[in-house]
Amino acid sequence: MIGDFVLVEERREDSRQRLRRTIAELEEQKRILKTQLQQRIHIWSENFKRPNFIRTRDKISFTIGVANACFSPLIGMRNSLFLCSAKHLFI
């Protein structure tokens, strides 16, 4: 009976030690991942501030603005021509 109790206590202590090791390993992995994430965020924020990225962003904005300025009147004229031609259907 006492031998069984000692065996159970040994297994319990082994389980506790494995749990502590696992928790410590997970904490270490968490610390490493957090450091890597902070480094990547720092690199991205530095890249966003660089002039090359700003120029690229400005080019994209300009292209979208010109496309909007060109195609909006075309779409508006197309719809108004359609409405003018379909007006006789409602009379």
PDB file of N, CA and C in Angstrom:
ATOM      1  N   MET A   1       0.817  -1.178   0.000  1.00  0.00           N
ATOM      2  CA  MET A   1       0.000   0.000   0.000  1.00  0.00           C
ATOM      3  C   MET A   1       0.869   1.255   0.000  1.00  0.00           C
ATOM      4  N   ILE A   2       1.876   1.268   0.852  1.00  0.00           N
ATOM      5  CA  ILE A   2       2.765   2.422   0.929  1.00  0.00           C
ATOM      6  C   ILE A   2       3.568   2.516  -0.355  1.00  0.00           C
ATOM      7  N   GLY A   3       3.937   1.362  -0.926  1.00  0.00           N
ATOM      8  CA  GLY A   3       4.676   1.347  -2.189  1.00  0.00           C
ATOM      9  C   GLY A   3       3.849   1.949  -3.309  1.00  0.00           C
ATOM     10  N   ASP A   4       2.544   1.659  -3.316  1.00  0.00           N
ATOM     11  CA  ASP A   4       1.661   2.243  -4.330  1.00  0.00           C
ATOM     12  C   ASP A   4       1.562   3.755  -4.165  1.00  0.00           C
ATOM     13  N   PHE A   5       1.491   4.191  -2.915  1.00  0.00           N
ATOM     14  CA  PHE A   5       1.400   5.621  -2.642  1.00  0.00           C
ATOM     15  C   PHE A   5       2.656   6.342  -3.116  1.00  0.00           C
ATOM     16  N   VAL A   6       3.818   5.741  -2.869  1.00  0.00           N
ATOM     17  CA  VAL A   6       5.087   6.331  -3.289  1.00  0.00           C
ATOM     18  C   VAL A   6       5.142   6.383  -4.810  1.00  0.00           C
ATOM     19  N   LEU A   7       4.693   5.327  -5.457  1.00  0.00           N
ATOM     20  CA  LEU A   7       4.685   5.270  -6.920  1.00  0.00           C
ATOM     21  C   LEU A   7       3.765   6.339  -7.509  1.00  0.00           C
ATOM     22  N   VAL A   8       2.604   6.534  -6.907  1.00  0.00           N
ATOM     23  CA  VAL A   8       1.664   7.549  -7.363  1.00  0.00           C
ATOM     24  C   VAL A   8       2.267   8.937  -7.177  1.00  0.00           C
ATOM     25  N   GLU A   9       2.918   9.163  -6.033  1.00  0.00           N
ATOM     26  CA  GLU A   9       3.547  10.457  -5.772  1.00  0.00           C
ATOM     27  C   GLU A   9       4.680  10.722  -6.764  1.00  0.00           C
ATOM     28  N   GLU A  10       5.451   9.701  -7.108  1.00  0.00           N
ATOM     29  CA  GLU A  10       6.536   9.863  -8.077  1.00  0.00           C
ATOM     30  C   GLU A  10       5.974  10.229  -9.451  1.00  0.00           C
ATOM     31  N   ARG A  11       4.933   9.545  -9.849  1.00  0.00           N
ATOM     32  CA  ARG A  11       4.295   9.851 -11.146  1.00  0.00           C
ATOM     33  C   ARG A  11       3.717  11.264 -11.137  1.00  0.00           C
ATOM     34  N   ARG A  12       3.112  11.645 -10.049  1.00  0.00           N
ATOM     35  CA  ARG A  12       2.537  12.983  -9.933  1.00  0.00           C
ATOM     36  C   ARG A  12       3.638  14.039 -10.040  1.00  0.00           C
ATOM     37  N   GLU A  13       4.757  13.801  -9.363  1.00  0.00           N
ATOM     38  CA  GLU A  13       5.867  14.745  -9.411  1.00  0.00           C
ATOM     39  C   GLU A  13       6.464  14.791 -10.825  1.00  0.00           C
ATOM     40  N   ASP A  14       6.579  13.653 -11.491  1.00  0.00           N
ATOM     41  CA  ASP A  14       7.065  13.626 -12.879  1.00  0.00           C
ATOM     42  C   ASP A  14       6.134  14.430 -13.785  1.00  0.00           C
ATOM     43  N   SER A  15       4.841  14.274 -13.587  1.00  0.00           N
ATOM     44  CA  SER A  15       3.869  15.016 -14.389  1.00  0.00           C
ATOM     45  C   SER A  15       4.012  16.517 -14.149  1.00  0.00           C
ATOM     46  N   ARG A  16       4.212  16.888 -12.892  1.00  0.00           N
ATOM     47  CA  ARG A  16       4.381  18.308 -12.569  1.00  0.00           C
ATOM     48  C   ARG A  16       5.642  18.868 -13.215  1.00  0.00           C
ATOM     49  N   GLN A  17       6.724  18.094 -13.187  1.00  0.00           N
ATOM     50  CA  GLN A  17       7.971  18.546 -13.800  1.00  0.00           C
ATOM     51  C   GLN A  17       7.826  18.688 -15.313  1.00  0.00           C
ATOM     52  N   ARG A  18       7.156  17.730 -15.945  1.00  0.00           N
ATOM     53  CA  ARG A  18       6.917  17.825 -17.391  1.00  0.00           C
ATOM     54  C   ARG A  18       6.063  19.038 -17.716  1.00  0.00           C
ATOM     55  N   LEU A  19       5.063  19.297 -16.886  1.00  0.00           N
ATOM     56  CA  LEU A  19       4.207  20.461 -17.088  1.00  0.00           C
ATOM     57  C   LEU A  19       5.013  21.750 -16.951  1.00  0.00           C
ATOM     58  N   ARG A  20       5.872  21.820 -15.926  1.00  0.00           N
ATOM     59  CA  ARG A  20       6.710  23.008 -15.756  1.00  0.00           C
ATOM     60  C   ARG A  20       7.634  23.211 -16.952  1.00  0.00           C
ATOM     61  N   ARG A  21       8.247  22.109 -17.436  1.00  0.00           N
ATOM     62  CA  ARG A  21       9.124  22.209 -18.607  1.00  0.00           C
ATOM     63  C   ARG A  21       8.339  22.676 -19.828  1.00  0.00           C
ATOM     64  N   THR A  22       7.154  22.121 -20.019  1.00  0.00           N
ATOM     65  CA  THR A  22       6.325  22.494 -21.166  1.00  0.00           C
ATOM     66  C   THR A  22       5.936  23.965 -21.084  1.00  0.00           C
ATOM     67  N   ILE A  23       5.548  24.414 -19.915  1.00  0.00           N
ATOM     68  CA  ILE A  23       5.179  25.819 -19.736  1.00  0.00           C
ATOM     69  C   ILE A  23       6.385  26.710 -20.008  1.00  0.00           C
ATOM     70  N   ALA A  24       7.546  26.323 -19.508  1.00  0.00           N
ATOM     71  CA  ALA A  24       8.758  27.113 -19.732  1.00  0.00           C
ATOM     72  C   ALA A  24       9.108  27.153 -21.222  1.00  0.00           C
ATOM     73  N   GLU A  25       8.985  26.041 -21.911  1.00  0.00           N
ATOM     74  CA  GLU A  25       9.266  26.000 -23.353  1.00  0.00           C
ATOM     75  C   GLU A  25       8.281  26.871 -24.121  1.00  0.00           C
ATOM     76  N   LEU A  26       7.009  26.815 -23.738  1.00  0.00           N
ATOM     77  CA  LEU A  26       5.998  27.643 -24.405  1.00  0.00           C
ATOM     78  C   LEU A  26       6.243  29.126 -24.156  1.00  0.00           C
ATOM     79  N   GLU A  27       6.637  29.476 -22.942  1.00  0.00           N
ATOM     80  CA  GLU A  27       6.954  30.870 -22.641  1.00  0.00           C
ATOM     81  C   GLU A  27       8.146  31.347 -23.477  1.00  0.00           C
ATOM     82  N   GLU A  28       9.141  30.490 -23.636  1.00  0.00           N
ATOM     83  CA  GLU A  28      10.307  30.842 -24.442  1.00  0.00           C
ATOM     84  C   GLU A  28       9.910  31.022 -25.906  1.00  0.00           C
ATOM     85  N   GLN A  29       9.081  30.120 -26.440  1.00  0.00           N
ATOM     86  CA  GLN A  29       8.602  30.258 -27.819  1.00  0.00           C
ATOM     87  C   GLN A  29       7.793  31.537 -27.978  1.00  0.00           C
ATOM     88  N   LYS A  30       6.973  31.846 -26.997  1.00  0.00           N
ATOM     89  CA  LYS A  30       6.165  33.068 -27.027  1.00  0.00           C
ATOM     90  C   LYS A  30       7.065  34.296 -27.060  1.00  0.00           C
ATOM     91  N   ARG A  31       8.108  34.291 -26.250  1.00  0.00           N
ATOM     92  CA  ARG A  31       9.041  35.411 -26.217  1.00  0.00           C
ATOM     93  C   ARG A  31       9.748  35.573 -27.565  1.00  0.00           C
ATOM     94  N   ILE A  32      10.177  34.462 -28.158  1.00  0.00           N
ATOM     95  CA  ILE A  32      10.855  34.507 -29.459  1.00  0.00           C
ATOM     96  C   ILE A  32       9.916  35.031 -30.530  1.00  0.00           C
ATOM     97  N   LEU A  33       8.695  34.520 -30.574  1.00  0.00           N
ATOM     98  CA  LEU A  33       7.725  34.961 -31.578  1.00  0.00           C
ATOM     99  C   LEU A  33       7.376  36.438 -31.412  1.00  0.00           C
ATOM    100  N   LYS A  34       7.259  36.872 -30.174  1.00  0.00           N
ATOM    101  CA  LYS A  34       6.952  38.277 -29.919  1.00  0.00           C
ATOM    102  C   LYS A  34       8.083  39.167 -30.412  1.00  0.00           C
ATOM    103  N   THR A  35       9.313  38.753 -30.168  1.00  0.00           N
ATOM    104  CA  THR A  35      10.471  39.519 -30.635  1.00  0.00           C
ATOM    105  C   THR A  35      10.499  39.575 -32.163  1.00  0.00           C
ATOM    106  N   GLN A  36      10.252  38.426 -32.805  1.00  0.00           N
ATOM    107  CA  GLN A  36      10.230  38.396 -34.269  1.00  0.00           C
ATOM    108  C   GLN A  36       9.130  39.288 -34.831  1.00  0.00           C
ATOM    109  N   LEU A  37       7.963  39.259 -34.214  1.00  0.00           N
ATOM    110  CA  LEU A  37       6.856  40.092 -34.667  1.00  0.00           C
ATOM    111  C   LEU A  37       7.191  41.576 -34.511  1.00  0.00           C
ATOM    112  N   GLN A  38       7.796  41.936 -33.395  1.00  0.00           N
ATOM    113  CA  GLN A  38       8.177  43.331 -33.191  1.00  0.00           C
ATOM    114  C   GLN A  38       9.205  43.775 -34.233  1.00  0.00           C
ATOM    115  N   GLN A  39      10.132  42.889 -34.581  1.00  0.00           N
ATOM    116  CA  GLN A  39      11.123  43.222 -35.600  1.00  0.00           C
ATOM    117  C   GLN A  39      10.456  43.426 -36.956  1.00  0.00           C
ATOM    118  N   ARG A  40       9.536  42.549 -37.309  1.00  0.00           N
ATOM    119  CA  ARG A  40       8.845  42.674 -38.603  1.00  0.00           C
ATOM    120  C   ARG A  40       8.012  43.951 -38.652  1.00  0.00           C
ATOM    121  N   ILE A  41       7.331  44.269 -37.565  1.00  0.00           N
ATOM    122  CA  ILE A  41       6.540  45.503 -37.519  1.00  0.00           C
ATOM    123  C   ILE A  41       7.446  46.713 -37.684  1.00  0.00           C
ATOM    124  N   HIS A  42       8.589  46.688 -37.038  1.00  0.00           N
ATOM    125  CA  HIS A  42       9.539  47.795 -37.163  1.00  0.00           C
ATOM    126  C   HIS A  42      10.032  47.927 -38.600  1.00  0.00           C
ATOM    127  N   ILE A  43      10.360  46.805 -39.238  1.00  0.00           N
ATOM    128  CA  ILE A  43      10.833  46.837 -40.630  1.00  0.00           C
ATOM    129  C   ILE A  43       9.745  47.380 -41.550  1.00  0.00           C
ATOM    130  N   TRP A  44       8.503  46.914 -41.359  1.00  0.00           N
ATOM    131  CA  TRP A  44       7.395  47.395 -42.205  1.00  0.00           C
ATOM    132  C   TRP A  44       7.167  48.889 -42.003  1.00  0.00           C
ATOM    133  N   SER A  45       7.212  49.341 -40.763  1.00  0.00           N
ATOM    134  CA  SER A  45       6.975  50.768 -40.517  1.00  0.00           C
ATOM    135  C   SER A  45       8.092  51.594 -41.134  1.00  0.00           C
ATOM    136  N   GLU A  46       9.313  51.109 -41.104  1.00  0.00           N
ATOM    137  CA  GLU A  46      10.415  51.827 -41.753  1.00  0.00           C
ATOM    138  C   GLU A  46      10.237  51.839 -43.266  1.00  0.00           C
ATOM    139  N   ASN A  47       9.771  50.732 -43.839  1.00  0.00           N
ATOM    140  CA  ASN A  47       9.553  50.679 -45.291  1.00  0.00           C
ATOM    141  C   ASN A  47       8.440  51.631 -45.719  1.00  0.00           C
ATOM    142  N   PHE A  48       7.417  51.788 -44.895  1.00  0.00           N
ATOM    143  CA  PHE A  48       6.329  52.698 -45.239  1.00  0.00           C
ATOM    144  C   PHE A  48       6.800  54.144 -45.262  1.00  0.00           C
ATOM    145  N   LYS A  49       7.808  54.451 -44.473  1.00  0.00           N
ATOM    146  CA  LYS A  49       8.304  55.817 -44.409  1.00  0.00           C
ATOM    147  C   LYS A  49       9.285  56.146 -45.527  1.00  0.00           C
ATOM    148  N   ARG A  50       9.785  55.138 -46.209  1.00  0.00           N
ATOM    149  CA  ARG A  50      10.775  55.376 -47.252  1.00  0.00           C
ATOM    150  C   ARG A  50      10.139  56.088 -48.434  1.00  0.00           C
ATOM    151  N   PRO A  51      10.893  56.966 -49.101  1.00  0.00           N
ATOM    152  CA  PRO A  51      10.360  57.732 -50.229  1.00  0.00           C
ATOM    153  C   PRO A  51       9.895  56.861 -51.395  1.00  0.00           C
ATOM    154  N   ASN A  52      10.543  55.739 -51.646  1.00  0.00           N
ATOM    155  CA  ASN A  52      10.142  54.879 -52.762  1.00  0.00           C
ATOM    156  C   ASN A  52       8.715  54.376 -52.591  1.00  0.00           C
ATOM    157  N   PHE A  53       8.370  54.002 -51.368  1.00  0.00           N
ATOM    158  CA  PHE A  53       7.021  53.505 -51.132  1.00  0.00           C
ATOM    159  C   PHE A  53       6.009  54.630 -51.299  1.00  0.00           C
ATOM    160  N   ILE A  54       6.351  55.810 -50.839  1.00  0.00           N
ATOM    161  CA  ILE A  54       5.435  56.945 -50.968  1.00  0.00           C
ATOM    162  C   ILE A  54       5.207  57.253 -52.444  1.00  0.00           C
ATOM    163  N   ARG A  55       6.272  57.206 -53.242  1.00  0.00           N
ATOM    164  CA  ARG A  55       6.110  57.448 -54.675  1.00  0.00           C
ATOM    165  C   ARG A  55       5.209  56.395 -55.309  1.00  0.00           C
ATOM    166  N   THR A  56       5.388  55.154 -54.929  1.00  0.00           N
ATOM    167  CA  THR A  56       4.551  54.083 -55.483  1.00  0.00           C
ATOM    168  C   THR A  56       3.097  54.288 -55.083  1.00  0.00           C
ATOM    169  N   ARG A  57       2.870  54.643 -53.839  1.00  0.00           N
ATOM    170  CA  ARG A  57       1.500  54.882 -53.369  1.00  0.00           C
ATOM    171  C   ARG A  57       0.885  56.064 -54.107  1.00  0.00           C
ATOM    172  N   ASP A  58       1.670  57.108 -54.338  1.00  0.00           N
ATOM    173  CA  ASP A  58       1.168  58.268 -55.078  1.00  0.00           C
ATOM    174  C   ASP A  58       0.846  57.908 -56.519  1.00  0.00           C
ATOM    175  N   LYS A  59       1.659  57.064 -57.128  1.00  0.00           N
ATOM    176  CA  LYS A  59       1.398  56.637 -58.509  1.00  0.00           C
ATOM    177  C   LYS A  59       0.086  55.863 -58.595  1.00  0.00           C
ATOM    178  N   ILE A  60      -0.120  54.983 -57.649  1.00  0.00           N
ATOM    179  CA  ILE A  60      -1.360  54.196 -57.648  1.00  0.00           C
ATOM    180  C   ILE A  60      -2.567  55.113 -57.438  1.00  0.00           C
ATOM    181  N   SER A  61      -2.457  56.043 -56.508  1.00  0.00           N
ATOM    182  CA  SER A  61      -3.562  56.978 -56.258  1.00  0.00           C
ATOM    183  C   SER A  61      -3.849  57.835 -57.485  1.00  0.00           C
ATOM    184  N   PHE A  62      -2.803  58.307 -58.135  1.00  0.00           N
ATOM    185  CA  PHE A  62      -2.982  59.126 -59.332  1.00  0.00           C
ATOM    186  C   PHE A  62      -3.656  58.328 -60.444  1.00  0.00           C
ATOM    187  N   THR A  63      -3.225  57.088 -60.656  1.00  0.00           N
ATOM    188  CA  THR A  63      -3.809  56.242 -61.700  1.00  0.00           C
ATOM    189  C   THR A  63      -5.291  55.994 -61.436  1.00  0.00           C
ATOM    190  N   ILE A  64      -5.633  55.695 -60.200  1.00  0.00           N
ATOM    191  CA  ILE A  64      -7.039  55.452 -59.859  1.00  0.00           C
ATOM    192  C   ILE A  64      -7.850  56.735 -60.037  1.00  0.00           C
ATOM    193  N   GLY A  65      -7.291  57.869 -59.660  1.00  0.00           N
ATOM    194  CA  GLY A  65      -8.000  59.145 -59.818  1.00  0.00           C
ATOM    195  C   GLY A  65      -8.242  59.484 -61.279  1.00  0.00           C
ATOM    196  N   VAL A  66      -7.231  59.279 -62.130  1.00  0.00           N
ATOM    197  CA  VAL A  66      -7.400  59.562 -63.562  1.00  0.00           C
ATOM    198  C   VAL A  66      -8.426  58.613 -64.162  1.00  0.00           C
ATOM    199  N   ALA A  67      -8.356  57.335 -63.804  1.00  0.00           N
ATOM    200  CA  ALA A  67      -9.336  56.373 -64.323  1.00  0.00           C
ATOM    201  C   ALA A  67     -10.745  56.767 -63.887  1.00  0.00           C
ATOM    202  N   ASN A  68     -10.891  57.200 -62.667  1.00  0.00           N
ATOM    203  CA  ASN A  68     -12.190  57.632 -62.161  1.00  0.00           C
ATOM    204  C   ASN A  68     -12.678  58.859 -62.927  1.00  0.00           C
ATOM    205  N   ALA A  69     -11.772  59.810 -63.167  1.00  0.00           N
ATOM    206  CA  ALA A  69     -12.157  61.033 -63.882  1.00  0.00           C
ATOM    207  C   ALA A  69     -12.530  60.748 -65.332  1.00  0.00           C
ATOM    208  N   CYS A  70     -11.921  59.750 -65.929  1.00  0.00           N
ATOM    209  CA  CYS A  70     -12.208  59.425 -67.338  1.00  0.00           C
ATOM    210  C   CYS A  70     -13.461  58.566 -67.490  1.00  0.00           C
ATOM    211  N   PHE A  71     -13.590  57.565 -66.648  1.00  0.00           N
ATOM    212  CA  PHE A  71     -14.673  56.609 -66.845  1.00  0.00           C
ATOM    213  C   PHE A  71     -15.993  57.048 -66.229  1.00  0.00           C
ATOM    214  N   SER A  72     -15.975  57.880 -65.227  1.00  0.00           N
ATOM    215  CA  SER A  72     -17.232  58.337 -64.628  1.00  0.00           C
ATOM    216  C   SER A  72     -18.110  59.081 -65.627  1.00  0.00           C
ATOM    217  N   PRO A  73     -17.577  60.061 -66.403  1.00  0.00           N
ATOM    218  CA  PRO A  73     -18.424  60.717 -67.407  1.00  0.00           C
ATOM    219  C   PRO A  73     -18.917  59.760 -68.488  1.00  0.00           C
ATOM    220  N   LEU A  74     -18.065  58.800 -68.875  1.00  0.00           N
ATOM    221  CA  LEU A  74     -18.493  57.831 -69.892  1.00  0.00           C
ATOM    222  C   LEU A  74     -19.662  56.988 -69.399  1.00  0.00           C
ATOM    223  N   ILE A  75     -19.564  56.558 -68.171  1.00  0.00           N
ATOM    224  CA  ILE A  75     -20.649  55.750 -67.605  1.00  0.00           C
ATOM    225  C   ILE A  75     -21.900  56.610 -67.450  1.00  0.00           C
ATOM    226  N   GLY A  76     -21.718  57.863 -67.030  1.00  0.00           N
ATOM    227  CA  GLY A  76     -22.862  58.760 -66.904  1.00  0.00           C
ATOM    228  C   GLY A  76     -23.521  59.031 -68.245  1.00  0.00           C
ATOM    229  N   MET A  77     -22.723  59.272 -69.293  1.00  0.00           N
ATOM    230  CA  MET A  77     -23.302  59.511 -70.628  1.00  0.00           C
ATOM    231  C   MET A  77     -24.008  58.263 -71.144  1.00  0.00           C
ATOM    232  N   ARG A  78     -23.414  57.115 -70.905  1.00  0.00           N
ATOM    233  CA  ARG A  78     -24.032  55.868 -71.376  1.00  0.00           C
ATOM    234  C   ARG A  78     -25.393  55.674 -70.725  1.00  0.00           C
ATOM    235  N   ASN A  79     -25.468  55.919 -69.428  1.00  0.00           N
ATOM    236  CA  ASN A  79     -26.744  55.759 -68.723  1.00  0.00           C
ATOM    237  C   ASN A  79     -27.752  56.811 -69.176  1.00  0.00           C
ATOM    238  N   SER A  80     -27.301  58.051 -69.412  1.00  0.00           N
ATOM    239  CA  SER A  80     -28.243  59.076 -69.841  1.00  0.00           C
ATOM    240  C   SER A  80     -28.725  58.806 -71.264  1.00  0.00           C
ATOM    241  N   LEU A  81     -27.861  58.295 -72.150  1.00  0.00           N
ATOM    242  CA  LEU A  81     -28.301  57.938 -73.497  1.00  0.00           C
ATOM    243  C   LEU A  81     -29.301  56.798 -73.449  1.00  0.00           C
ATOM    244  N   PHE A  82     -29.055  55.853 -72.568  1.00  0.00           N
ATOM    245  CA  PHE A  82     -29.986  54.751 -72.417  1.00  0.00           C
ATOM    246  C   PHE A  82     -31.336  55.250 -71.921  1.00  0.00           C
ATOM    247  N   LEU A  83     -31.317  56.157 -70.963  1.00  0.00           N
ATOM    248  CA  LEU A  83     -32.565  56.688 -70.433  1.00  0.00           C
ATOM    249  C   LEU A  83     -33.304  57.517 -71.485  1.00  0.00           C
ATOM    250  N   CYS A  84     -32.543  58.277 -72.288  1.00  0.00           N
ATOM    251  CA  CYS A  84     -33.183  59.075 -73.349  1.00  0.00           C
ATOM    252  C   CYS A  84     -33.815  58.169 -74.393  1.00  0.00           C
ATOM    253  N   SER A  85     -33.147  57.082 -74.745  1.00  0.00           N
ATOM    254  CA  SER A  85     -33.683  56.196 -75.766  1.00  0.00           C
ATOM    255  C   SER A  85     -34.840  55.377 -75.215  1.00  0.00           C
ATOM    256  N   ALA A  86     -34.854  55.133 -73.908  1.00  0.00           N
ATOM    257  CA  ALA A  86     -35.916  54.323 -73.311  1.00  0.00           C
ATOM    258  C   ALA A  86     -37.086  55.176 -72.860  1.00  0.00           C
ATOM    259  N   LYS A  87     -36.987  56.520 -72.993  1.00  0.00           N
ATOM    260  CA  LYS A  87     -38.035  57.407 -72.523  1.00  0.00           C
ATOM    261  C   LYS A  87     -39.347  57.140 -73.263  1.00  0.00           C
ATOM    262  N   HIS A  88     -39.263  56.834 -74.546  1.00  0.00           N
ATOM    263  CA  HIS A  88     -40.480  56.625 -75.327  1.00  0.00           C
ATOM    264  C   HIS A  88     -41.254  55.387 -74.851  1.00  0.00           C
ATOM    265  N   LEU A  89     -40.590  54.474 -74.121  1.00  0.00           N
ATOM    266  CA  LEU A  89     -41.269  53.278 -73.600  1.00  0.00           C
ATOM    267  C   LEU A  89     -42.242  53.649 -72.488  1.00  0.00           C
ATOM    268  N   PHE A  90     -41.970  54.739 -71.784  1.00  0.00           N
ATOM    269  CA  PHE A  90     -42.804  55.106 -70.633  1.00  0.00           C
ATOM    270  C   PHE A  90     -43.928  56.061 -71.023  1.00  0.00           C
ATOM    271  N   ILE A  91     -43.976  56.509 -72.260  1.00  0.00           N
ATOM    272  CA  ILE A  91     -45.013  57.464 -72.669  1.00  0.00           C
ATOM    273  C   ILE A  91     -46.250  56.733 -73.150  1.00  0.00           C
TER     274      ILE A  91
END
